[in-house]
N, C-alpha and C. Protein backbone atom coordinates (compact mmCIF):
# COMPACT_ATOMS: atom_id res chain seq x y z
N MET A 1 -43.28 13.31 -63.05
CA MET A 1 -43.93 12.65 -61.93
C MET A 1 -42.88 11.98 -61.06
N GLU A 2 -43.04 12.07 -59.77
CA GLU A 2 -42.09 11.51 -58.81
C GLU A 2 -42.59 10.15 -58.33
N TYR A 3 -41.71 9.18 -58.33
CA TYR A 3 -42.06 7.84 -57.87
C TYR A 3 -41.34 7.55 -56.57
N LYS A 4 -42.05 6.88 -55.66
CA LYS A 4 -41.48 6.58 -54.35
C LYS A 4 -41.10 5.13 -54.21
N ASP A 5 -41.67 4.25 -55.04
CA ASP A 5 -41.32 2.85 -54.92
C ASP A 5 -41.13 2.22 -56.29
N PHE A 6 -40.35 1.18 -56.30
CA PHE A 6 -39.95 0.51 -57.53
C PHE A 6 -41.16 -0.06 -58.27
N GLU A 7 -42.07 -0.69 -57.56
CA GLU A 7 -43.18 -1.38 -58.19
C GLU A 7 -44.06 -0.43 -59.00
N ASN A 8 -44.44 0.71 -58.42
CA ASN A 8 -45.26 1.68 -59.15
C ASN A 8 -44.52 2.26 -60.34
N ALA A 9 -43.26 2.55 -60.14
CA ALA A 9 -42.46 3.10 -61.23
C ALA A 9 -42.34 2.10 -62.38
N PHE A 10 -42.09 0.84 -62.03
CA PHE A 10 -41.93 -0.18 -63.06
C PHE A 10 -43.24 -0.42 -63.82
N THR A 11 -44.35 -0.40 -63.10
CA THR A 11 -45.66 -0.55 -63.74
C THR A 11 -45.89 0.57 -64.74
N ARG A 12 -45.55 1.79 -64.35
CA ARG A 12 -45.70 2.94 -65.26
C ARG A 12 -44.78 2.79 -66.45
N LEU A 13 -43.56 2.33 -66.22
CA LEU A 13 -42.60 2.14 -67.31
C LEU A 13 -43.13 1.12 -68.31
N GLU A 14 -43.70 0.04 -67.81
CA GLU A 14 -44.28 -0.97 -68.71
C GLU A 14 -45.40 -0.38 -69.56
N ALA A 15 -46.24 0.47 -68.95
CA ALA A 15 -47.33 1.11 -69.69
C ALA A 15 -46.77 2.04 -70.78
N ILE A 16 -45.73 2.78 -70.45
CA ILE A 16 -45.12 3.68 -71.42
C ILE A 16 -44.55 2.88 -72.59
N VAL A 17 -43.83 1.82 -72.29
CA VAL A 17 -43.26 0.98 -73.36
C VAL A 17 -44.37 0.44 -74.25
N GLY A 18 -45.45 -0.02 -73.64
CA GLY A 18 -46.58 -0.53 -74.42
C GLY A 18 -47.15 0.53 -75.34
N ASP A 19 -47.34 1.74 -74.83
CA ASP A 19 -47.86 2.83 -75.65
C ASP A 19 -46.92 3.17 -76.80
N LEU A 20 -45.63 3.20 -76.52
CA LEU A 20 -44.65 3.53 -77.56
C LEU A 20 -44.57 2.43 -78.62
N GLU A 21 -44.69 1.18 -78.19
CA GLU A 21 -44.60 0.06 -79.13
C GLU A 21 -45.78 0.03 -80.10
N LYS A 22 -46.91 0.55 -79.69
CA LYS A 22 -48.08 0.59 -80.58
C LYS A 22 -47.82 1.48 -81.78
N GLY A 23 -47.01 2.50 -81.60
CA GLY A 23 -46.66 3.39 -82.71
C GLY A 23 -47.79 4.29 -83.17
N GLU A 24 -48.76 4.53 -82.31
CA GLU A 24 -49.93 5.33 -82.69
C GLU A 24 -49.89 6.75 -82.15
N LEU A 25 -48.83 7.11 -81.45
CA LEU A 25 -48.75 8.42 -80.82
C LEU A 25 -48.16 9.46 -81.77
N ALA A 26 -48.59 10.69 -81.57
CA ALA A 26 -47.97 11.80 -82.29
C ALA A 26 -46.53 11.94 -81.80
N LEU A 27 -45.69 12.51 -82.62
CA LEU A 27 -44.27 12.62 -82.30
C LEU A 27 -44.04 13.31 -80.96
N GLU A 28 -44.71 14.42 -80.72
CA GLU A 28 -44.51 15.16 -79.46
C GLU A 28 -44.89 14.32 -78.25
N GLU A 29 -46.02 13.61 -78.35
CA GLU A 29 -46.45 12.77 -77.24
C GLU A 29 -45.49 11.60 -77.04
N ALA A 30 -45.01 11.03 -78.13
CA ALA A 30 -44.05 9.92 -78.04
C ALA A 30 -42.76 10.39 -77.37
N LEU A 31 -42.28 11.56 -77.74
CA LEU A 31 -41.06 12.10 -77.12
C LEU A 31 -41.26 12.38 -75.64
N LYS A 32 -42.44 12.90 -75.30
CA LYS A 32 -42.75 13.18 -73.90
C LYS A 32 -42.75 11.88 -73.09
N LEU A 33 -43.39 10.85 -73.61
CA LEU A 33 -43.42 9.56 -72.92
C LEU A 33 -42.03 8.94 -72.85
N PHE A 34 -41.28 9.06 -73.94
CA PHE A 34 -39.92 8.52 -73.94
C PHE A 34 -39.07 9.17 -72.85
N GLU A 35 -39.18 10.49 -72.74
CA GLU A 35 -38.43 11.21 -71.71
C GLU A 35 -38.84 10.75 -70.31
N GLU A 36 -40.15 10.59 -70.08
CA GLU A 36 -40.61 10.09 -68.79
C GLU A 36 -40.08 8.69 -68.54
N GLY A 37 -40.09 7.86 -69.59
CA GLY A 37 -39.58 6.50 -69.46
C GLY A 37 -38.11 6.45 -69.09
N VAL A 38 -37.32 7.33 -69.67
CA VAL A 38 -35.89 7.38 -69.34
C VAL A 38 -35.71 7.75 -67.87
N LYS A 39 -36.46 8.72 -67.39
CA LYS A 39 -36.36 9.12 -65.98
C LYS A 39 -36.77 7.98 -65.05
N ILE A 40 -37.85 7.29 -65.42
CA ILE A 40 -38.30 6.16 -64.60
C ILE A 40 -37.27 5.05 -64.63
N SER A 41 -36.70 4.80 -65.79
CA SER A 41 -35.67 3.77 -65.92
C SER A 41 -34.48 4.07 -65.01
N GLN A 42 -34.07 5.32 -64.96
CA GLN A 42 -32.96 5.71 -64.09
C GLN A 42 -33.32 5.51 -62.62
N PHE A 43 -34.55 5.85 -62.26
CA PHE A 43 -35.02 5.65 -60.89
C PHE A 43 -35.00 4.17 -60.53
N CYS A 44 -35.56 3.33 -61.43
CA CYS A 44 -35.60 1.89 -61.18
C CYS A 44 -34.19 1.30 -61.08
N ASN A 45 -33.31 1.75 -61.95
CA ASN A 45 -31.93 1.27 -61.92
C ASN A 45 -31.26 1.61 -60.59
N ALA A 46 -31.50 2.81 -60.09
CA ALA A 46 -30.92 3.22 -58.81
C ALA A 46 -31.49 2.36 -57.68
N LYS A 47 -32.78 2.07 -57.72
CA LYS A 47 -33.39 1.22 -56.70
C LYS A 47 -32.82 -0.19 -56.74
N LEU A 48 -32.60 -0.72 -57.94
CA LEU A 48 -32.02 -2.06 -58.07
C LEU A 48 -30.58 -2.08 -57.57
N ASP A 49 -29.82 -1.04 -57.86
CA ASP A 49 -28.45 -0.94 -57.36
C ASP A 49 -28.43 -0.91 -55.83
N GLU A 50 -29.36 -0.15 -55.27
CA GLU A 50 -29.46 -0.06 -53.81
C GLU A 50 -29.80 -1.42 -53.21
N ALA A 51 -30.73 -2.13 -53.82
CA ALA A 51 -31.11 -3.46 -53.34
C ALA A 51 -29.93 -4.42 -53.43
N GLU A 52 -29.16 -4.32 -54.50
CA GLU A 52 -27.99 -5.19 -54.66
C GLU A 52 -26.97 -4.94 -53.55
N ARG A 53 -26.75 -3.68 -53.22
CA ARG A 53 -25.81 -3.36 -52.14
C ARG A 53 -26.32 -3.90 -50.81
N LYS A 54 -27.62 -3.81 -50.57
CA LYS A 54 -28.19 -4.36 -49.33
C LYS A 54 -27.97 -5.86 -49.26
N VAL A 55 -28.18 -6.55 -50.36
CA VAL A 55 -27.98 -7.99 -50.39
C VAL A 55 -26.53 -8.33 -50.10
N GLU A 56 -25.62 -7.60 -50.70
CA GLU A 56 -24.20 -7.85 -50.46
C GLU A 56 -23.85 -7.66 -48.99
N ILE A 57 -24.42 -6.65 -48.35
CA ILE A 57 -24.16 -6.41 -46.93
C ILE A 57 -24.71 -7.56 -46.10
N LEU A 58 -25.87 -8.06 -46.47
CA LEU A 58 -26.49 -9.15 -45.72
C LEU A 58 -25.74 -10.46 -45.87
N LEU A 59 -25.07 -10.65 -46.99
CA LEU A 59 -24.49 -11.94 -47.30
C LEU A 59 -23.11 -12.20 -46.72
N LYS A 60 -22.34 -11.17 -46.44
CA LYS A 60 -20.98 -11.47 -46.02
C LYS A 60 -20.44 -10.46 -45.01
N ASN A 61 -19.55 -10.94 -44.18
CA ASN A 61 -18.81 -10.08 -43.27
C ASN A 61 -17.32 -10.31 -43.54
N LYS A 62 -16.47 -9.81 -42.70
CA LYS A 62 -15.02 -9.94 -42.92
C LYS A 62 -14.56 -11.39 -42.94
N GLU A 63 -15.24 -12.22 -42.18
CA GLU A 63 -14.87 -13.64 -42.14
C GLU A 63 -15.58 -14.46 -43.21
N GLY A 64 -16.36 -13.81 -44.04
CA GLY A 64 -17.08 -14.50 -45.09
C GLY A 64 -18.36 -15.17 -44.61
N GLN A 65 -18.76 -14.88 -43.37
CA GLN A 65 -19.97 -15.46 -42.82
C GLN A 65 -21.18 -14.58 -43.14
N LEU A 66 -22.35 -15.21 -43.16
CA LEU A 66 -23.57 -14.46 -43.40
C LEU A 66 -23.91 -13.63 -42.17
N THR A 67 -24.11 -12.35 -42.38
CA THR A 67 -24.47 -11.45 -41.29
C THR A 67 -25.41 -10.38 -41.81
N GLU A 68 -25.99 -9.63 -40.90
CA GLU A 68 -26.82 -8.50 -41.26
C GLU A 68 -26.22 -7.25 -40.65
N GLU A 69 -26.05 -6.23 -41.48
CA GLU A 69 -25.50 -4.95 -41.03
C GLU A 69 -26.44 -3.85 -41.49
N SER A 70 -26.40 -2.72 -40.81
CA SER A 70 -27.23 -1.60 -41.24
C SER A 70 -26.69 -1.05 -42.56
N PHE A 71 -27.59 -0.55 -43.37
CA PHE A 71 -27.25 -0.03 -44.69
C PHE A 71 -27.66 1.42 -44.75
N HIS A 72 -26.75 2.24 -45.23
CA HIS A 72 -27.05 3.66 -45.42
C HIS A 72 -26.69 4.03 -46.85
N PRO A 73 -27.69 4.33 -47.69
CA PRO A 73 -27.38 4.74 -49.06
C PRO A 73 -26.45 5.94 -49.07
N GLU A 74 -25.72 6.06 -50.15
CA GLU A 74 -24.79 7.18 -50.28
C GLU A 74 -25.53 8.49 -50.06
N GLY A 75 -24.95 9.36 -49.27
CA GLY A 75 -25.54 10.64 -49.00
C GLY A 75 -26.46 10.66 -47.79
N GLU A 76 -26.72 9.49 -47.20
CA GLU A 76 -27.55 9.42 -46.01
C GLU A 76 -26.72 8.95 -44.82
N GLY A 77 -27.15 9.36 -43.60
CA GLY A 77 -26.59 8.96 -42.32
C GLY A 77 -25.26 8.38 -42.41
């Protein structure tokens, strides 16, 4: 499943963790959910990294003053 925003992905990840923690799933289903969880975790981590870079851009310029600059994720514009 493809996620477009952090909030929906994180909500799904929490649900997966909850299901896995119950320990009531068959092995195949648990592995399937675990694999989905890893993919969602990677997506969320990338979104958090992107947000961190945006914050860094907003917080400082060459003179150390607070400024706002346009942000282009790697591979874009």
